[in-house]
Amino acid sequence: MMAALRRGLPVDQDRYGWEFKWDGVCAIAYVSGPGVRLISRNDKEMAGSYPELAVLADRVRGPAILDGEIVALRAGRPDFGRLQSGMHVRRPERRRLARSRRTSMRCCK
């Protein structure tokens, strides 16, 4: 994997593509009926780590598979440290995590 470097935009921007680095956790969300399954890129179940994403079941119409990145925002910017409090939690009953951080899922390209 290549490390990101901070640089200015190229002068000839029409020849380059770029996207914002979300700095989160990649996941695939399987939304079906009342439930949401979150699977990591290593094929591990993650729904217990991010109980706040259960709202996807209410917000997505019909069954769907979402390939994206889970991010926590602070002042409108990604804050990876806010995600760390739930990364290794596996019990869905730990709902207090949902109140202590605000996460969302952004689609990866």
PDB file of N, CA and C in Angstrom:
ATOM      1  N   MET A   1       0.837  -1.160   0.000  1.00  0.00           N
ATOM      2  CA  MET A   1       0.000   0.000   0.000  1.00  0.00           C
ATOM      3  C   MET A   1       0.894   1.239   0.000  1.00  0.00           C
ATOM      4  N   MET A   2       0.469   2.222  -0.730  1.00  0.00           N
ATOM      5  CA  MET A   2       1.223   3.456  -0.861  1.00  0.00           C
ATOM      6  C   MET A   2       0.783   4.459   0.203  1.00  0.00           C
ATOM      7  N   ALA A   3       1.706   5.108   0.860  1.00  0.00           N
ATOM      8  CA  ALA A   3       1.368   6.119   1.857  1.00  0.00           C
ATOM      9  C   ALA A   3       0.983   7.418   1.160  1.00  0.00           C
ATOM     10  N   ALA A   4      -0.041   8.067   1.683  1.00  0.00           N
ATOM     11  CA  ALA A   4      -0.497   9.339   1.105  1.00  0.00           C
ATOM     12  C   ALA A   4       0.472  10.454   1.473  1.00  0.00           C
ATOM     13  N   LEU A   5       0.662  11.356   0.549  1.00  0.00           N
ATOM     14  CA  LEU A   5       1.508  12.529   0.779  1.00  0.00           C
ATOM     15  C   LEU A   5       0.678  13.777   0.571  1.00  0.00           C
ATOM     16  N   ARG A   6       0.915  14.792   1.380  1.00  0.00           N
ATOM     17  CA  ARG A   6       0.197  16.045   1.228  1.00  0.00           C
ATOM     18  C   ARG A   6       0.898  16.898   0.170  1.00  0.00           C
ATOM     19  N   ARG A   7       0.169  17.224  -0.869  1.00  0.00           N
ATOM     20  CA  ARG A   7       0.701  18.033  -1.967  1.00  0.00           C
ATOM     21  C   ARG A   7      -0.405  18.932  -2.488  1.00  0.00           C
ATOM     22  N   GLY A   8      -0.039  19.937  -3.245  1.00  0.00           N
ATOM     23  CA  GLY A   8      -1.016  20.779  -3.914  1.00  0.00           C
ATOM     24  C   GLY A   8      -1.601  20.055  -5.109  1.00  0.00           C
ATOM     25  N   LEU A   9      -2.690  20.581  -5.643  1.00  0.00           N
ATOM     26  CA  LEU A   9      -3.297  19.987  -6.831  1.00  0.00           C
ATOM     27  C   LEU A   9      -2.420  20.241  -8.045  1.00  0.00           C
ATOM     28  N   PRO A  10      -2.420  19.331  -9.019  1.00  0.00           N
ATOM     29  CA  PRO A  10      -1.633  19.532 -10.231  1.00  0.00           C
ATOM     30  C   PRO A  10      -2.149  20.746 -11.009  1.00  0.00           C
ATOM     31  N   VAL A  11      -1.267  21.361 -11.744  1.00  0.00           N
ATOM     32  CA  VAL A  11      -1.638  22.529 -12.533  1.00  0.00           C
ATOM     33  C   VAL A  11      -2.665  22.149 -13.594  1.00  0.00           C
ATOM     34  N   ASP A  12      -2.458  21.020 -14.267  1.00  0.00           N
ATOM     35  CA  ASP A  12      -3.363  20.554 -15.312  1.00  0.00           C
ATOM     36  C   ASP A  12      -4.380  19.578 -14.696  1.00  0.00           C
ATOM     37  N   GLN A  13      -5.366  20.097 -13.966  1.00  0.00           N
ATOM     38  CA  GLN A  13      -6.304  19.269 -13.214  1.00  0.00           C
ATOM     39  C   GLN A  13      -7.200  18.407 -14.093  1.00  0.00           C
ATOM     40  N   ASP A  14      -7.390  18.757 -15.337  1.00  0.00           N
ATOM     41  CA  ASP A  14      -8.240  17.966 -16.229  1.00  0.00           C
ATOM     42  C   ASP A  14      -7.643  16.590 -16.527  1.00  0.00           C
ATOM     43  N   ARG A  15      -6.365  16.418 -16.314  1.00  0.00           N
ATOM     44  CA  ARG A  15      -5.697  15.147 -16.615  1.00  0.00           C
ATOM     45  C   ARG A  15      -5.600  14.226 -15.396  1.00  0.00           C
ATOM     46  N   TYR A  16      -6.095  14.670 -14.245  1.00  0.00           N
ATOM     47  CA  TYR A  16      -5.944  13.899 -13.009  1.00  0.00           C
ATOM     48  C   TYR A  16      -7.285  13.679 -12.333  1.00  0.00           C
ATOM     49  N   GLY A  17      -7.385  12.594 -11.594  1.00  0.00           N
ATOM     50  CA  GLY A  17      -8.558  12.328 -10.777  1.00  0.00           C
ATOM     51  C   GLY A  17      -8.129  12.225  -9.319  1.00  0.00           C
ATOM     52  N   TRP A  18      -8.999  12.593  -8.429  1.00  0.00           N
ATOM     53  CA  TRP A  18      -8.694  12.494  -7.005  1.00  0.00           C
ATOM     54  C   TRP A  18      -9.996  12.387  -6.228  1.00  0.00           C
ATOM     55  N   GLU A  19      -9.883  11.913  -5.033  1.00  0.00           N
ATOM     56  CA  GLU A  19     -11.026  11.888  -4.137  1.00  0.00           C
ATOM     57  C   GLU A  19     -10.538  12.095  -2.709  1.00  0.00           C
ATOM     58  N   PHE A  20     -11.425  12.528  -1.866  1.00  0.00           N
ATOM     59  CA  PHE A  20     -11.143  12.806  -0.463  1.00  0.00           C
ATOM     60  C   PHE A  20     -10.796  11.507   0.264  1.00  0.00           C
ATOM     61  N   LYS A  21      -9.818  11.524   1.154  1.00  0.00           N
ATOM     62  CA  LYS A  21      -9.494  10.343   1.962  1.00  0.00           C
ATOM     63  C   LYS A  21     -10.373  10.353   3.208  1.00  0.00           C
ATOM     64  N   TRP A  22     -11.258   9.373   3.309  1.00  0.00           N
ATOM     65  CA  TRP A  22     -12.204   9.340   4.413  1.00  0.00           C
ATOM     66  C   TRP A  22     -11.583   8.859   5.710  1.00  0.00           C
ATOM     67  N   ASP A  23     -10.534   8.050   5.681  1.00  0.00           N
ATOM     68  CA  ASP A  23      -9.856   7.574   6.883  1.00  0.00           C
ATOM     69  C   ASP A  23     -10.806   6.876   7.839  1.00  0.00           C
ATOM     70  N   GLY A  24     -11.384   5.782   7.362  1.00  0.00           N
ATOM     71  CA  GLY A  24     -12.317   5.021   8.178  1.00  0.00           C
ATOM     72  C   GLY A  24     -12.042   3.539   8.097  1.00  0.00           C
ATOM     73  N   VAL A  25     -13.092   2.758   8.192  1.00  0.00           N
ATOM     74  CA  VAL A  25     -13.009   1.304   8.173  1.00  0.00           C
ATOM     75  C   VAL A  25     -13.852   0.803   7.000  1.00  0.00           C
ATOM     76  N   CYS A  26     -13.227   0.078   6.077  1.00  0.00           N
ATOM     77  CA  CYS A  26     -13.969  -0.468   4.937  1.00  0.00           C
ATOM     78  C   CYS A  26     -14.920  -1.555   5.414  1.00  0.00           C
ATOM     79  N   ALA A  27     -16.117  -1.570   4.832  1.00  0.00           N
ATOM     80  CA  ALA A  27     -17.117  -2.569   5.218  1.00  0.00           C
ATOM     81  C   ALA A  27     -18.087  -2.790   4.070  1.00  0.00           C
ATOM     82  N   ILE A  28     -18.721  -3.946   4.108  1.00  0.00           N
ATOM     83  CA  ILE A  28     -19.835  -4.228   3.213  1.00  0.00           C
ATOM     84  C   ILE A  28     -21.056  -4.403   4.101  1.00  0.00           C
ATOM     85  N   ALA A  29     -22.102  -3.648   3.803  1.00  0.00           N
ATOM     86  CA  ALA A  29     -23.348  -3.728   4.570  1.00  0.00           C
ATOM     87  C   ALA A  29     -24.374  -4.484   3.737  1.00  0.00           C
ATOM     88  N   TYR A  30     -24.922  -5.530   4.317  1.00  0.00           N
ATOM     89  CA  TYR A  30     -26.006  -6.286   3.700  1.00  0.00           C
ATOM     90  C   TYR A  30     -27.293  -5.860   4.399  1.00  0.00           C
ATOM     91  N   VAL A  31     -28.128  -5.122   3.694  1.00  0.00           N
ATOM     92  CA  VAL A  31     -29.367  -4.605   4.266  1.00  0.00           C
ATOM     93  C   VAL A  31     -30.516  -5.441   3.708  1.00  0.00           C
ATOM     94  N   SER A  32     -31.255  -6.075   4.607  1.00  0.00           N
ATOM     95  CA  SER A  32     -32.352  -6.930   4.185  1.00  0.00           C
ATOM     96  C   SER A  32     -33.414  -6.931   5.278  1.00  0.00           C
ATOM     97  N   GLY A  33     -34.623  -6.498   4.925  1.00  0.00           N
ATOM     98  CA  GLY A  33     -35.714  -6.465   5.901  1.00  0.00           C
ATOM     99  C   GLY A  33     -35.344  -5.592   7.085  1.00  0.00           C
ATOM    100  N   PRO A  34     -35.546  -6.097   8.291  1.00  0.00           N
ATOM    101  CA  PRO A  34     -35.271  -5.286   9.472  1.00  0.00           C
ATOM    102  C   PRO A  34     -33.810  -5.318   9.919  1.00  0.00           C
ATOM    103  N   GLY A  35     -32.955  -6.068   9.232  1.00  0.00           N
ATOM    104  CA  GLY A  35     -31.604  -6.256   9.721  1.00  0.00           C
ATOM    105  C   GLY A  35     -30.514  -5.707   8.823  1.00  0.00           C
ATOM    106  N   VAL A  36     -29.351  -5.494   9.440  1.00  0.00           N
ATOM    107  CA  VAL A  36     -28.149  -5.045   8.729  1.00  0.00           C
ATOM    108  C   VAL A  36     -26.991  -5.921   9.183  1.00  0.00           C
ATOM    109  N   ARG A  37     -26.295  -6.500   8.225  1.00  0.00           N
ATOM    110  CA  ARG A  37     -25.054  -7.234   8.512  1.00  0.00           C
ATOM    111  C   ARG A  37     -23.904  -6.396   8.016  1.00  0.00           C
ATOM    112  N   LEU A  38     -22.893  -6.197   8.837  1.00  0.00           N
ATOM    113  CA  LEU A  38     -21.680  -5.481   8.433  1.00  0.00           C
ATOM    114  C   LEU A  38     -20.530  -6.470   8.433  1.00  0.00           C
ATOM    115  N   ILE A  39     -19.837  -6.558   7.307  1.00  0.00           N
ATOM    116  CA  ILE A  39     -18.729  -7.494   7.166  1.00  0.00           C
ATOM    117  C   ILE A  39     -17.465  -6.705   6.821  1.00  0.00           C
ATOM    118  N   SER A  40     -16.370  -7.020   7.498  1.00  0.00           N
ATOM    119  CA  SER A  40     -15.095  -6.344   7.251  1.00  0.00           C
ATOM    120  C   SER A  40     -14.440  -6.889   5.988  1.00  0.00           C
ATOM    121  N   ARG A  41     -13.370  -6.236   5.559  1.00  0.00           N
ATOM    122  CA  ARG A  41     -12.658  -6.734   4.375  1.00  0.00           C
ATOM    123  C   ARG A  41     -11.986  -8.068   4.651  1.00  0.00           C
ATOM    124  N   ASN A  42     -11.854  -8.437   5.955  1.00  0.00           N
ATOM    125  CA  ASN A  42     -11.307  -9.737   6.336  1.00  0.00           C
ATOM    126  C   ASN A  42     -12.407 -10.755   6.620  1.00  0.00           C
ATOM    127  N   ASP A  43     -13.639 -10.430   6.179  1.00  0.00           N
ATOM    128  CA  ASP A  43     -14.790 -11.314   6.319  1.00  0.00           C
ATOM    129  C   ASP A  43     -15.197 -11.552   7.773  1.00  0.00           C
ATOM    130  N   LYS A  44     -15.035 -10.538   8.618  1.00  0.00           N
ATOM    131  CA  LYS A  44     -15.438 -10.613  10.034  1.00  0.00           C
ATOM    132  C   LYS A  44     -16.733  -9.834  10.223  1.00  0.00           C
ATOM    133  N   GLU A  45     -17.602 -10.340  11.098  1.00  0.00           N
ATOM    134  CA  GLU A  45     -18.857  -9.665  11.428  1.00  0.00           C
ATOM    135  C   GLU A  45     -18.550  -8.420  12.261  1.00  0.00           C
ATOM    136  N   MET A  46     -19.142  -7.276  11.890  1.00  0.00           N
ATOM    137  CA  MET A  46     -18.830  -6.009  12.565  1.00  0.00           C
ATOM    138  C   MET A  46     -20.051  -5.277  13.107  1.00  0.00           C
ATOM    139  N   ALA A  47     -21.247  -5.812  12.960  1.00  0.00           N
ATOM    140  CA  ALA A  47     -22.454  -5.083  13.368  1.00  0.00           C
ATOM    141  C   ALA A  47     -22.423  -4.715  14.850  1.00  0.00           C
ATOM    142  N   GLY A  48     -21.858  -5.561  15.692  1.00  0.00           N
ATOM    143  CA  GLY A  48     -21.770  -5.259  17.120  1.00  0.00           C
ATOM    144  C   GLY A  48     -20.840  -4.110  17.421  1.00  0.00           C
ATOM    145  N   SER A  49     -19.905  -3.854  16.535  1.00  0.00           N
ATOM    146  CA  SER A  49     -18.966  -2.751  16.725  1.00  0.00           C
ATOM    147  C   SER A  49     -19.566  -1.402  16.357  1.00  0.00           C
ATOM    148  N   TYR A  50     -20.550  -1.412  15.476  1.00  0.00           N
ATOM    149  CA  TYR A  50     -21.145  -0.161  14.987  1.00  0.00           C
ATOM    150  C   TYR A  50     -22.664  -0.247  15.035  1.00  0.00           C
ATOM    151  N   PRO A  51     -23.247  -0.339  16.242  1.00  0.00           N
ATOM    152  CA  PRO A  51     -24.703  -0.499  16.360  1.00  0.00           C
ATOM    153  C   PRO A  51     -25.481   0.685  15.787  1.00  0.00           C
ATOM    154  N   GLU A  52     -24.853   1.851  15.710  1.00  0.00           N
ATOM    155  CA  GLU A  52     -25.537   3.027  15.180  1.00  0.00           C
ATOM    156  C   GLU A  52     -25.887   2.887  13.701  1.00  0.00           C
ATOM    157  N   LEU A  53     -25.253   1.937  12.995  1.00  0.00           N
ATOM    158  CA  LEU A  53     -25.546   1.746  11.577  1.00  0.00           C
ATOM    159  C   LEU A  53     -26.748   0.835  11.345  1.00  0.00           C
ATOM    160  N   ALA A  54     -27.382   0.368  12.412  1.00  0.00           N
ATOM    161  CA  ALA A  54     -28.617  -0.413  12.266  1.00  0.00           C
ATOM    162  C   ALA A  54     -29.711   0.416  11.608  1.00  0.00           C
ATOM    163  N   VAL A  55     -29.597   1.741  11.649  1.00  0.00           N
ATOM    164  CA  VAL A  55     -30.593   2.617  11.018  1.00  0.00           C
ATOM    165  C   VAL A  55     -30.624   2.445   9.497  1.00  0.00           C
ATOM    166  N   LEU A  56     -29.601   1.829   8.924  1.00  0.00           N
ATOM    167  CA  LEU A  56     -29.612   1.583   7.483  1.00  0.00           C
ATOM    168  C   LEU A  56     -30.842   0.772   7.071  1.00  0.00           C
ATOM    169  N   ALA A  57     -31.294  -0.116   7.955  1.00  0.00           N
ATOM    170  CA  ALA A  57     -32.463  -0.939   7.644  1.00  0.00           C
ATOM    171  C   ALA A  57     -33.704  -0.078   7.429  1.00  0.00           C
ATOM    172  N   ASP A  58     -33.792   1.043   8.134  1.00  0.00           N
ATOM    173  CA  ASP A  58     -34.932   1.957   7.985  1.00  0.00           C
ATOM    174  C   ASP A  58     -34.750   2.929   6.837  1.00  0.00           C
ATOM    175  N   ARG A  59     -33.519   3.241   6.500  1.00  0.00           N
ATOM    176  CA  ARG A  59     -33.252   4.293   5.515  1.00  0.00           C
ATOM    177  C   ARG A  59     -33.035   3.798   4.093  1.00  0.00           C
ATOM    178  N   VAL A  60     -32.743   2.518   3.939  1.00  0.00           N
ATOM    179  CA  VAL A  60     -32.524   1.954   2.603  1.00  0.00           C
ATOM    180  C   VAL A  60     -33.777   1.181   2.229  1.00  0.00           C
ATOM    181  N   ARG A  61     -34.335   1.504   1.090  1.00  0.00           N
ATOM    182  CA  ARG A  61     -35.563   0.824   0.657  1.00  0.00           C
ATOM    183  C   ARG A  61     -35.219  -0.462  -0.085  1.00  0.00           C
ATOM    184  N   GLY A  62     -35.776  -1.551   0.416  1.00  0.00           N
ATOM    185  CA  GLY A  62     -35.537  -2.835  -0.219  1.00  0.00           C
ATOM    186  C   GLY A  62     -34.181  -3.402   0.145  1.00  0.00           C
ATOM    187  N   PRO A  63     -33.926  -4.640  -0.238  1.00  0.00           N
ATOM    188  CA  PRO A  63     -32.625  -5.252   0.044  1.00  0.00           C
ATOM    189  C   PRO A  63     -31.523  -4.547  -0.744  1.00  0.00           C
ATOM    190  N   ALA A  64     -30.348  -4.441  -0.125  1.00  0.00           N
ATOM    191  CA  ALA A  64     -29.226  -3.779  -0.787  1.00  0.00           C
ATOM    192  C   ALA A  64     -27.916  -4.290  -0.223  1.00  0.00           C
ATOM    193  N   ILE A  65     -26.885  -4.189  -1.037  1.00  0.00           N
ATOM    194  CA  ILE A  65     -25.517  -4.465  -0.602  1.00  0.00           C
ATOM    195  C   ILE A  65     -24.742  -3.173  -0.824  1.00  0.00           C
ATOM    196  N   LEU A  66     -24.189  -2.618   0.254  1.00  0.00           N
ATOM    197  CA  LEU A  66     -23.457  -1.360   0.188  1.00  0.00           C
ATOM    198  C   LEU A  66     -21.986  -1.614   0.473  1.00  0.00           C
ATOM    199  N   ASP A  67     -21.137  -1.213  -0.433  1.00  0.00           N
ATOM    200  CA  ASP A  67     -19.691  -1.342  -0.274  1.00  0.00           C
ATOM    201  C   ASP A  67     -19.184   0.054   0.060  1.00  0.00           C
ATOM    202  N   GLY A  68     -18.702   0.247   1.266  1.00  0.00           N
ATOM    203  CA  GLY A  68     -18.315   1.601   1.651  1.00  0.00           C
ATOM    204  C   GLY A  68     -17.303   1.642   2.763  1.00  0.00           C
ATOM    205  N   GLU A  69     -17.197   2.798   3.349  1.00  0.00           N
ATOM    206  CA  GLU A  69     -16.253   3.037   4.428  1.00  0.00           C
ATOM    207  C   GLU A  69     -17.000   3.682   5.579  1.00  0.00           C
ATOM    208  N   ILE A  70     -16.850   3.130   6.760  1.00  0.00           N
ATOM    209  CA  ILE A  70     -17.477   3.684   7.954  1.00  0.00           C
ATOM    210  C   ILE A  70     -16.555   4.780   8.470  1.00  0.00           C
ATOM    211  N   VAL A  71     -17.108   5.958   8.656  1.00  0.00           N
ATOM    212  CA  VAL A  71     -16.313   7.078   9.149  1.00  0.00           C
ATOM    213  C   VAL A  71     -17.028   7.747  10.308  1.00  0.00           C
ATOM    214  N   ALA A  72     -16.262   8.311  11.219  1.00  0.00           N
ATOM    215  CA  ALA A  72     -16.796   9.141  12.296  1.00  0.00           C
ATOM    216  C   ALA A  72     -16.323  10.558  12.023  1.00  0.00           C
ATOM    217  N   LEU A  73     -17.243  11.488  12.116  1.00  0.00           N
ATOM    218  CA  LEU A  73     -16.914  12.883  11.810  1.00  0.00           C
ATOM    219  C   LEU A  73     -16.818  13.715  13.074  1.00  0.00           C
ATOM    220  N   ARG A  74     -15.891  14.646  13.061  1.00  0.00           N
ATOM    221  CA  ARG A  74     -15.756  15.660  14.107  1.00  0.00           C
ATOM    222  C   ARG A  74     -15.579  16.974  13.366  1.00  0.00           C
ATOM    223  N   ALA A  75     -16.493  17.888  13.591  1.00  0.00           N
ATOM    224  CA  ALA A  75     -16.473  19.189  12.912  1.00  0.00           C
ATOM    225  C   ALA A  75     -16.445  19.009  11.390  1.00  0.00           C
ATOM    226  N   GLY A  76     -17.181  18.001  10.895  1.00  0.00           N
ATOM    227  CA  GLY A  76     -17.292  17.786   9.461  1.00  0.00           C
ATOM    228  C   GLY A  76     -16.120  17.087   8.805  1.00  0.00           C
ATOM    229  N   ARG A  77     -15.144  16.652   9.590  1.00  0.00           N
ATOM    230  CA  ARG A  77     -13.970  15.973   9.039  1.00  0.00           C
ATOM    231  C   ARG A  77     -13.834  14.587   9.653  1.00  0.00           C
ATOM    232  N   PRO A  78     -13.290  13.632   8.894  1.00  0.00           N
ATOM    233  CA  PRO A  78     -13.098  12.287   9.438  1.00  0.00           C
ATOM    234  C   PRO A  78     -12.163  12.302  10.642  1.00  0.00           C
ATOM    235  N   ASP A  79     -12.516  11.510  11.651  1.00  0.00           N
ATOM    236  CA  ASP A  79     -11.706  11.393  12.864  1.00  0.00           C
ATOM    237  C   ASP A  79     -11.585   9.907  13.198  1.00  0.00           C
ATOM    238  N   PHE A  80     -10.498   9.296  12.750  1.00  0.00           N
ATOM    239  CA  PHE A  80     -10.305   7.859  12.934  1.00  0.00           C
ATOM    240  C   PHE A  80     -10.295   7.473  14.409  1.00  0.00           C
ATOM    241  N   GLY A  81      -9.795   8.331  15.262  1.00  0.00           N
ATOM    242  CA  GLY A  81      -9.756   8.047  16.698  1.00  0.00           C
ATOM    243  C   GLY A  81     -11.129   7.790  17.287  1.00  0.00           C
ATOM    244  N   ARG A  82     -12.153   8.442  16.757  1.00  0.00           N
ATOM    245  CA  ARG A  82     -13.514   8.231  17.261  1.00  0.00           C
ATOM    246  C   ARG A  82     -14.027   6.843  16.907  1.00  0.00           C
ATOM    247  N   LEU A  83     -13.535   6.249  15.844  1.00  0.00           N
ATOM    248  CA  LEU A  83     -13.951   4.893  15.464  1.00  0.00           C
ATOM    249  C   LEU A  83     -13.319   3.838  16.362  1.00  0.00           C
ATOM    250  N   GLN A  84     -12.153   4.120  16.878  1.00  0.00           N
ATOM    251  CA  GLN A  84     -11.397   3.115  17.622  1.00  0.00           C
ATOM    252  C   GLN A  84     -12.122   2.616  18.861  1.00  0.00           C
ATOM    253  N   SER A  85     -12.999   3.426  19.452  1.00  0.00           N
ATOM    254  CA  SER A  85     -13.697   2.987  20.664  1.00  0.00           C
ATOM    255  C   SER A  85     -14.612   1.793  20.397  1.00  0.00           C
ATOM    256  N   GLY A  86     -15.006   1.567  19.164  1.00  0.00           N
ATOM    257  CA  GLY A  86     -15.897   0.456  18.871  1.00  0.00           C
ATOM    258  C   GLY A  86     -15.323  -0.623  18.000  1.00  0.00           C
ATOM    259  N   MET A  87     -14.093  -0.480  17.582  1.00  0.00           N
ATOM    260  CA  MET A  87     -13.533  -1.414  16.605  1.00  0.00           C
ATOM    261  C   MET A  87     -13.561  -2.871  17.023  1.00  0.00           C
ATOM    262  N   HIS A  88     -13.320  -3.153  18.269  1.00  0.00           N
ATOM    263  CA  HIS A  88     -13.219  -4.546  18.697  1.00  0.00           C
ATOM    264  C   HIS A  88     -14.387  -4.969  19.585  1.00  0.00           C
ATOM    265  N   VAL A  89     -15.423  -4.156  19.634  1.00  0.00           N
ATOM    266  CA  VAL A  89     -16.622  -4.501  20.389  1.00  0.00           C
ATOM    267  C   VAL A  89     -17.456  -5.435  19.524  1.00  0.00           C
ATOM    268  N   ARG A  90     -17.910  -6.523  20.070  1.00  0.00           N
ATOM    269  CA  ARG A  90     -18.669  -7.491  19.285  1.00  0.00           C
ATOM    270  C   ARG A  90     -20.097  -7.687  19.800  1.00  0.00           C
ATOM    271  N   ARG A  91     -20.461  -7.025  20.903  1.00  0.00           N
ATOM    272  CA  ARG A  91     -21.798  -7.226  21.471  1.00  0.00           C
ATOM    273  C   ARG A  91     -22.724  -6.082  21.080  1.00  0.00           C
ATOM    274  N   PRO A  92     -23.819  -6.379  20.369  1.00  0.00           N
ATOM    275  CA  PRO A  92     -24.742  -5.325  19.926  1.00  0.00           C
ATOM    276  C   PRO A  92     -25.374  -4.535  21.063  1.00  0.00           C
ATOM    277  N   GLU A  93     -25.413  -5.099  22.270  1.00  0.00           N
ATOM    278  CA  GLU A  93     -26.047  -4.395  23.379  1.00  0.00           C
ATOM    279  C   GLU A  93     -25.239  -3.180  23.862  1.00  0.00           C
ATOM    280  N   ARG A  94     -24.065  -2.977  23.329  1.00  0.00           N
ATOM    281  CA  ARG A  94     -23.235  -1.834  23.727  1.00  0.00           C
ATOM    282  C   ARG A  94     -23.715  -0.569  23.010  1.00  0.00           C
ATOM    283  N   ARG A  95     -24.992  -0.248  23.135  1.00  0.00           N
ATOM    284  CA  ARG A  95     -25.599   0.876  22.431  1.00  0.00           C
ATOM    285  C   ARG A  95     -25.049   2.226  22.868  1.00  0.00           C
ATOM    286  N   ARG A  96     -24.403   2.313  24.019  1.00  0.00           N
ATOM    287  CA  ARG A  96     -23.866   3.604  24.452  1.00  0.00           C
ATOM    288  C   ARG A  96     -22.822   4.127  23.477  1.00  0.00           C
ATOM    289  N   LEU A  97     -22.197   3.232  22.718  1.00  0.00           N
ATOM    290  CA  LEU A  97     -21.234   3.669  21.712  1.00  0.00           C
ATOM    291  C   LEU A  97     -21.900   4.558  20.670  1.00  0.00           C
ATOM    292  N   ALA A  98     -23.131   4.227  20.339  1.00  0.00           N
ATOM    293  CA  ALA A  98     -23.849   5.004  19.324  1.00  0.00           C
ATOM    294  C   ALA A  98     -24.092   6.425  19.799  1.00  0.00           C
ATOM    295  N   ARG A  99     -24.242   6.620  21.097  1.00  0.00           N
ATOM    296  CA  ARG A  99     -24.471   7.967  21.612  1.00  0.00           C
ATOM    297  C   ARG A  99     -23.174   8.751  21.752  1.00  0.00           C
ATOM    298  N   SER A 100     -22.046   8.052  21.834  1.00  0.00           N
ATOM    299  CA  SER A 100     -20.782   8.743  22.078  1.00  0.00           C
ATOM    300  C   SER A 100     -20.052   9.156  20.808  1.00  0.00           C
ATOM    301  N   ARG A 101     -20.495   8.688  19.673  1.00  0.00           N
ATOM    302  CA  ARG A 101     -19.849   9.074  18.424  1.00  0.00           C
ATOM    303  C   ARG A 101     -20.875   9.101  17.307  1.00  0.00           C
ATOM    304  N   ARG A 102     -20.580   9.822  16.286  1.00  0.00           N
ATOM    305  CA  ARG A 102     -21.489   9.931  15.147  1.00  0.00           C
ATOM    306  C   ARG A 102     -20.784   9.324  13.947  1.00  0.00           C
ATOM    307  N   THR A 103     -21.315   8.217  13.440  1.00  0.00           N
ATOM    308  CA  THR A 103     -20.686   7.582  12.290  1.00  0.00           C
ATOM    309  C   THR A 103     -21.642   7.557  11.116  1.00  0.00           C
ATOM    310  N   SER A 104     -21.074   7.398   9.974  1.00  0.00           N
ATOM    311  CA  SER A 104     -21.876   7.230   8.766  1.00  0.00           C
ATOM    312  C   SER A 104     -21.094   6.346   7.824  1.00  0.00           C
ATOM    313  N   MET A 105     -21.749   5.903   6.789  1.00  0.00           N
ATOM    314  CA  MET A 105     -21.074   5.051   5.826  1.00  0.00           C
ATOM    315  C   MET A 105     -20.982   5.790   4.510  1.00  0.00           C
ATOM    316  N   ARG A 106     -19.796   5.930   4.011  1.00  0.00           N
ATOM    317  CA  ARG A 106     -19.556   6.582   2.727  1.00  0.00           C
ATOM    318  C   ARG A 106     -19.193   5.514   1.715  1.00  0.00           C
ATOM    319  N   CYS A 107     -19.661   5.647   0.512  1.00  0.00           N
ATOM    320  CA  CYS A 107     -19.388   4.643  -0.524  1.00  0.00           C
ATOM    321  C   CYS A 107     -17.954   4.750  -1.039  1.00  0.00           C
ATOM    322  N   CYS A 108     -17.321   3.611  -1.174  1.00  0.00           N
ATOM    323  CA  CYS A 108     -15.994   3.542  -1.770  1.00  0.00           C
ATOM    324  C   CYS A 108     -16.154   3.469  -3.274  1.00  0.00           C
ATOM    325  N   LYS A 109     -15.121   3.837  -3.999  1.00  0.00           N
ATOM    326  CA  LYS A 109     -15.143   3.698  -5.459  1.00  0.00           C
ATOM    327  C   LYS A 109     -14.458   2.422  -5.838  1.00  0.00           C
TER     328      LYS A 109
END
